[in-house]
Amino acid sequence: MTGPRTAFRPRPSLALAADGTPWQQLAACRSISPTTMFPSNERDGRAVAAAKAFCAVCPVRDRCLAAALAEEDGHNRDRRSGIRGGLTSTERVRLAAAQRRATRQRSDGREPAPCGTAAAYERHIRNGEPVDDACRTARAAQRQANRKRSKAAAA
C-alpha cells in the first residue's frame, strides 16, 4: 500500500551565509563550466548525473533549490532550465506542483475527503497523486453499489 507523498520543502532562501558571504559564492558548481549545470538535453543521463554530483556535495543546495523555485514560480516549463538545487527543470516543475497541491485548500473551507473513500480516490486522480489501496477498494465498492442500483431500477 502506498501512503501519501510528502514534498521536499527547502528551508527559506537566505541572501547571506552565516559569515556574511553571499550563498552563491559557496556553491560547489561555482568552479565549473556553466554548461555542466545546464546540459543541452535533460535526457542525457550522463550529463545530468555529473551535474547532480556537484549538487550532492554542495553546502548551499537547499538555498539554491529554494531560490530556483522562487525565481521560476509562475513560469511554464519552457522558461526553466538546468540542474539547480540537485533537480532538473522537470523535477522542479513536479516538486512545485506537489507543493501547491499539498497547501491547496478546498474553496468551500471543508477538509478534503479522507483516504479510504471514493471521493478521495477521485481527488487522487484529479490531482495526479498516487492512489492507495484503501481508496481503490472504496471506489470499487461504490461502482459495484451503483451497478446494483442501476440493475434494480431497470427491473
C-alpha atoms as a PDB file:
ATOM      1  CA  MET A   1       0.000   0.000   0.000  1.00  0.00           C
ATOM      2  CA  THR A   2       1.353   3.399  -0.843  1.00  0.00           C
ATOM      3  CA  GLY A   3       0.942   6.289   1.539  1.00  0.00           C
ATOM      4  CA  PRO A   4       0.700   9.978   0.825  1.00  0.00           C
ATOM      5  CA  ARG A   5       3.842  11.545  -0.575  1.00  0.00           C
ATOM      6  CA  THR A   6       5.360  14.450   1.247  1.00  0.00           C
ATOM      7  CA  ALA A   7       7.002  17.158  -0.786  1.00  0.00           C
ATOM      8  CA  PHE A   8      10.580  18.172  -0.083  1.00  0.00           C
ATOM      9  CA  ARG A   9      10.390  21.635   1.390  1.00  0.00           C
ATOM     10  CA  PRO A  10      13.679  23.515   1.297  1.00  0.00           C
ATOM     11  CA  ARG A  11      14.480  25.962   4.039  1.00  0.00           C
ATOM     12  CA  PRO A  12      13.780  29.581   3.132  1.00  0.00           C
ATOM     13  CA  SER A  13      16.348  31.155   0.852  1.00  0.00           C
ATOM     14  CA  LEU A  14      18.862  33.257   2.733  1.00  0.00           C
ATOM     15  CA  ALA A  15      20.738  36.030   0.976  1.00  0.00           C
ATOM     16  CA  LEU A  16      23.898  35.570   3.027  1.00  0.00           C
ATOM     17  CA  ALA A  17      25.668  32.656   4.664  1.00  0.00           C
ATOM     18  CA  ALA A  18      26.319  32.781   8.397  1.00  0.00           C
ATOM     19  CA  ASP A  19      29.677  34.502   7.847  1.00  0.00           C
ATOM     20  CA  GLY A  20      28.146  37.209   5.612  1.00  0.00           C
ATOM     21  CA  THR A  21      29.186  35.630   2.302  1.00  0.00           C
ATOM     22  CA  PRO A  22      26.511  35.525  -0.417  1.00  0.00           C
ATOM     23  CA  TRP A  23      25.379  31.893  -0.593  1.00  0.00           C
ATOM     24  CA  GLN A  24      26.025  31.727  -4.349  1.00  0.00           C
ATOM     25  CA  GLN A  25      29.755  32.144  -3.720  1.00  0.00           C
ATOM     26  CA  LEU A  26      29.724  28.985  -1.589  1.00  0.00           C
ATOM     27  CA  ALA A  27      28.086  26.822  -4.273  1.00  0.00           C
ATOM     28  CA  ALA A  28      30.001  23.720  -5.373  1.00  0.00           C
ATOM     29  CA  CYS A  29      29.185  24.442  -9.033  1.00  0.00           C
ATOM     30  CA  ARG A  30      30.833  27.864  -8.936  1.00  0.00           C
ATOM     31  CA  SER A  31      34.174  26.446 -10.015  1.00  0.00           C
ATOM     32  CA  ILE A  32      32.911  24.528 -13.064  1.00  0.00           C
ATOM     33  CA  SER A  33      31.708  25.414 -16.534  1.00  0.00           C
ATOM     34  CA  PRO A  34      28.068  26.549 -16.693  1.00  0.00           C
ATOM     35  CA  THR A  35      27.489  24.012 -19.469  1.00  0.00           C
ATOM     36  CA  THR A  36      27.879  21.275 -16.841  1.00  0.00           C
ATOM     37  CA  MET A  37      24.919  22.592 -14.841  1.00  0.00           C
ATOM     38  CA  PHE A  38      22.875  23.437 -17.936  1.00  0.00           C
ATOM     39  CA  PRO A  39      23.127  20.344 -20.161  1.00  0.00           C
ATOM     40  CA  SER A  40      21.692  20.762 -23.653  1.00  0.00           C
ATOM     41  CA  ASN A  41      19.401  17.773 -23.118  1.00  0.00           C
ATOM     42  CA  GLU A  42      17.954  16.741 -19.752  1.00  0.00           C
ATOM     43  CA  ARG A  43      17.552  13.209 -21.103  1.00  0.00           C
ATOM     44  CA  ASP A  44      21.326  12.857 -21.314  1.00  0.00           C
ATOM     45  CA  GLY A  45      21.691  10.757 -18.167  1.00  0.00           C
ATOM     46  CA  ARG A  46      25.451  11.089 -18.016  1.00  0.00           C
ATOM     47  CA  ALA A  47      25.405  14.911 -18.172  1.00  0.00           C
ATOM     48  CA  VAL A  48      22.586  15.161 -15.633  1.00  0.00           C
ATOM     49  CA  ALA A  49      24.354  12.753 -13.264  1.00  0.00           C
ATOM     50  CA  ALA A  50      27.553  14.812 -13.483  1.00  0.00           C
ATOM     51  CA  ALA A  51      25.682  17.991 -12.578  1.00  0.00           C
ATOM     52  CA  LYS A  52      23.776  16.304  -9.765  1.00  0.00           C
ATOM     53  CA  ALA A  53      27.056  15.002  -8.343  1.00  0.00           C
ATOM     54  CA  PHE A  54      28.134  18.585  -7.684  1.00  0.00           C
ATOM     55  CA  CYS A  55      24.779  19.352  -6.070  1.00  0.00           C
ATOM     56  CA  ALA A  56      25.006  16.285  -3.849  1.00  0.00           C
ATOM     57  CA  VAL A  57      28.036  17.692  -2.013  1.00  0.00           C
ATOM     58  CA  CYS A  58      27.049  21.352  -2.197  1.00  0.00           C
ATOM     59  CA  PRO A  59      26.762  23.120   1.172  1.00  0.00           C
ATOM     60  CA  VAL A  60      24.079  25.506  -0.151  1.00  0.00           C
ATOM     61  CA  ARG A  61      21.929  23.038  -2.113  1.00  0.00           C
ATOM     62  CA  ASP A  62      18.772  23.830  -0.117  1.00  0.00           C
ATOM     63  CA  ARG A  63      19.209  27.583  -0.663  1.00  0.00           C
ATOM     64  CA  CYS A  64      19.816  27.025  -4.373  1.00  0.00           C
ATOM     65  CA  LEU A  65      16.660  24.941  -4.711  1.00  0.00           C
ATOM     66  CA  ALA A  66      14.581  27.456  -2.754  1.00  0.00           C
ATOM     67  CA  ALA A  67      15.901  30.268  -4.951  1.00  0.00           C
ATOM     68  CA  ALA A  68      15.190  28.290  -8.136  1.00  0.00           C
ATOM     69  CA  LEU A  69      11.624  27.530  -7.058  1.00  0.00           C
ATOM     70  CA  ALA A  70      11.038  31.172  -6.112  1.00  0.00           C
ATOM     71  CA  GLU A  71      12.507  32.507  -9.374  1.00  0.00           C
ATOM     72  CA  GLU A  72      10.590  30.020 -11.518  1.00  0.00           C
ATOM     73  CA  ASP A  73       7.254  30.412  -9.744  1.00  0.00           C
ATOM     74  CA  GLY A  74       4.585  31.028 -12.353  1.00  0.00           C
ATOM     75  CA  HIS A  75       6.838  30.255 -15.322  1.00  0.00           C
ATOM     76  CA  ASN A  76       5.977  27.454 -17.699  1.00  0.00           C
ATOM     77  CA  ARG A  77       8.318  24.533 -18.402  1.00  0.00           C
ATOM     78  CA  ASP A  78       9.930  26.294 -21.341  1.00  0.00           C
ATOM     79  CA  ARG A  79      11.283  29.042 -19.082  1.00  0.00           C
ATOM     80  CA  ARG A  80      13.073  26.626 -16.737  1.00  0.00           C
ATOM     81  CA  SER A  81      16.417  25.051 -17.442  1.00  0.00           C
ATOM     82  CA  GLY A  82      19.441  23.456 -15.897  1.00  0.00           C
ATOM     83  CA  ILE A  83      20.175  21.494 -12.774  1.00  0.00           C
ATOM     84  CA  ARG A  84      19.506  23.676  -9.754  1.00  0.00           C
ATOM     85  CA  GLY A  85      19.387  22.528  -6.169  1.00  0.00           C
ATOM     86  CA  GLY A  86      20.023  18.979  -7.341  1.00  0.00           C
ATOM     87  CA  LEU A  87      16.917  18.798  -9.523  1.00  0.00           C
ATOM     88  CA  THR A  88      16.295  19.011 -13.256  1.00  0.00           C
ATOM     89  CA  SER A  89      13.763  21.523 -14.557  1.00  0.00           C
ATOM     90  CA  THR A  90      11.200  18.726 -14.950  1.00  0.00           C
ATOM     91  CA  GLU A  91      11.769  17.595 -11.366  1.00  0.00           C
ATOM     92  CA  ARG A  92      11.375  21.187 -10.146  1.00  0.00           C
ATOM     93  CA  VAL A  93       8.073  21.516 -12.042  1.00  0.00           C
ATOM     94  CA  ARG A  94       6.814  18.358 -10.336  1.00  0.00           C
ATOM     95  CA  LEU A  95       8.051  19.482  -6.930  1.00  0.00           C
ATOM     96  CA  ALA A  96       6.364  22.885  -7.272  1.00  0.00           C
ATOM     97  CA  ALA A  97       3.107  21.211  -8.346  1.00  0.00           C
ATOM     98  CA  ALA A  98       3.266  18.819  -5.381  1.00  0.00           C
ATOM     99  CA  GLN A  99       3.852  21.720  -3.002  1.00  0.00           C
ATOM    100  CA  ARG A 100       0.861  23.598  -4.455  1.00  0.00           C
ATOM    101  CA  ARG A 101      -1.346  20.512  -4.084  1.00  0.00           C
ATOM    102  CA  ALA A 102      -0.165  19.968  -0.512  1.00  0.00           C
ATOM    103  CA  THR A 103      -1.094  23.512   0.507  1.00  0.00           C
ATOM    104  CA  ARG A 104      -4.284  23.869  -1.540  1.00  0.00           C
ATOM    105  CA  GLN A 105      -7.474  24.332   0.433  1.00  0.00           C
ATOM    106  CA  ARG A 106     -10.954  23.498  -0.726  1.00  0.00           C
ATOM    107  CA  SER A 107     -12.799  26.599  -1.886  1.00  0.00           C
ATOM    108  CA  ASP A 108     -15.706  25.868   0.463  1.00  0.00           C
ATOM    109  CA  GLY A 109     -13.407  25.612   3.507  1.00  0.00           C
ATOM    110  CA  ARG A 110     -14.137  21.921   4.157  1.00  0.00           C
ATOM    111  CA  GLU A 111     -11.425  19.348   4.712  1.00  0.00           C
ATOM    112  CA  PRO A 112     -10.673  17.072   1.741  1.00  0.00           C
ATOM    113  CA  ALA A 113     -12.224  13.602   1.878  1.00  0.00           C
ATOM    114  CA  PRO A 114     -10.129  11.166   3.942  1.00  0.00           C
ATOM    115  CA  CYS A 115      -8.338   8.291   2.263  1.00  0.00           C
ATOM    116  CA  GLY A 116     -10.361   5.120   2.066  1.00  0.00           C
ATOM    117  CA  THR A 117     -13.328   6.824   0.405  1.00  0.00           C
ATOM    118  CA  ALA A 118     -14.473   7.037  -3.199  1.00  0.00           C
ATOM    119  CA  ALA A 119     -14.253  10.827  -3.017  1.00  0.00           C
ATOM    120  CA  ALA A 120     -10.583  10.581  -2.005  1.00  0.00           C
ATOM    121  CA  TYR A 121      -9.988   8.242  -4.960  1.00  0.00           C
ATOM    122  CA  GLU A 122     -11.403  10.907  -7.293  1.00  0.00           C
ATOM    123  CA  ARG A 123      -9.252  13.571  -5.612  1.00  0.00           C
ATOM    124  CA  HIS A 124      -6.110  11.482  -6.117  1.00  0.00           C
ATOM    125  CA  ILE A 125      -6.905  11.035  -9.811  1.00  0.00           C
ATOM    126  CA  ARG A 126      -7.796  14.710 -10.309  1.00  0.00           C
ATOM    127  CA  ASN A 127      -4.573  15.907  -8.625  1.00  0.00           C
ATOM    128  CA  GLY A 128      -2.286  13.330 -10.235  1.00  0.00           C
ATOM    129  CA  GLU A 129      -1.484  11.780  -6.861  1.00  0.00           C
ATOM    130  CA  PRO A 130      -0.731   8.102  -6.240  1.00  0.00           C
ATOM    131  CA  VAL A 131      -3.887   6.155  -5.330  1.00  0.00           C
ATOM    132  CA  ASP A 132      -3.664   3.986  -2.212  1.00  0.00           C
ATOM    133  CA  ASP A 133      -5.292   0.565  -1.828  1.00  0.00           C
ATOM    134  CA  ALA A 134      -7.965   1.806   0.600  1.00  0.00           C
ATOM    135  CA  CYS A 135      -9.188   4.387  -1.910  1.00  0.00           C
ATOM    136  CA  ARG A 136      -9.143   1.823  -4.742  1.00  0.00           C
ATOM    137  CA  THR A 137     -11.236  -0.555  -2.627  1.00  0.00           C
ATOM    138  CA  ALA A 138     -13.720   2.207  -1.731  1.00  0.00           C
ATOM    139  CA  ARG A 139     -14.051   3.193  -5.397  1.00  0.00           C
ATOM    140  CA  ALA A 140     -14.655  -0.437  -6.438  1.00  0.00           C
ATOM    141  CA  ALA A 141     -17.323  -0.816  -3.720  1.00  0.00           C
ATOM    142  CA  GLN A 142     -19.022   2.388  -4.896  1.00  0.00           C
ATOM    143  CA  ARG A 143     -19.065   1.233  -8.521  1.00  0.00           C
ATOM    144  CA  GLN A 144     -20.486  -2.152  -7.514  1.00  0.00           C
ATOM    145  CA  ALA A 145     -23.231  -0.467  -5.471  1.00  0.00           C
ATOM    146  CA  ASN A 146     -24.032   1.841  -8.400  1.00  0.00           C
ATOM    147  CA  ARG A 147     -24.348  -1.185 -10.746  1.00  0.00           C
ATOM    148  CA  LYS A 148     -26.722  -2.919  -8.327  1.00  0.00           C
ATOM    149  CA  ARG A 149     -28.880   0.219  -8.106  1.00  0.00           C
ATOM    150  CA  SER A 150     -28.938   0.523 -11.898  1.00  0.00           C
ATOM    151  CA  LYS A 151     -29.981  -3.109 -12.332  1.00  0.00           C
ATOM    152  CA  ALA A 152     -32.686  -2.751  -9.657  1.00  0.00           C
ATOM    153  CA  ALA A 153     -34.033   0.412 -11.290  1.00  0.00           C
ATOM    154  CA  ALA A 154     -34.097  -1.248 -14.715  1.00  0.00           C
ATOM    155  CA  ALA A 155     -36.025  -4.307 -13.426  1.00  0.00           C
END
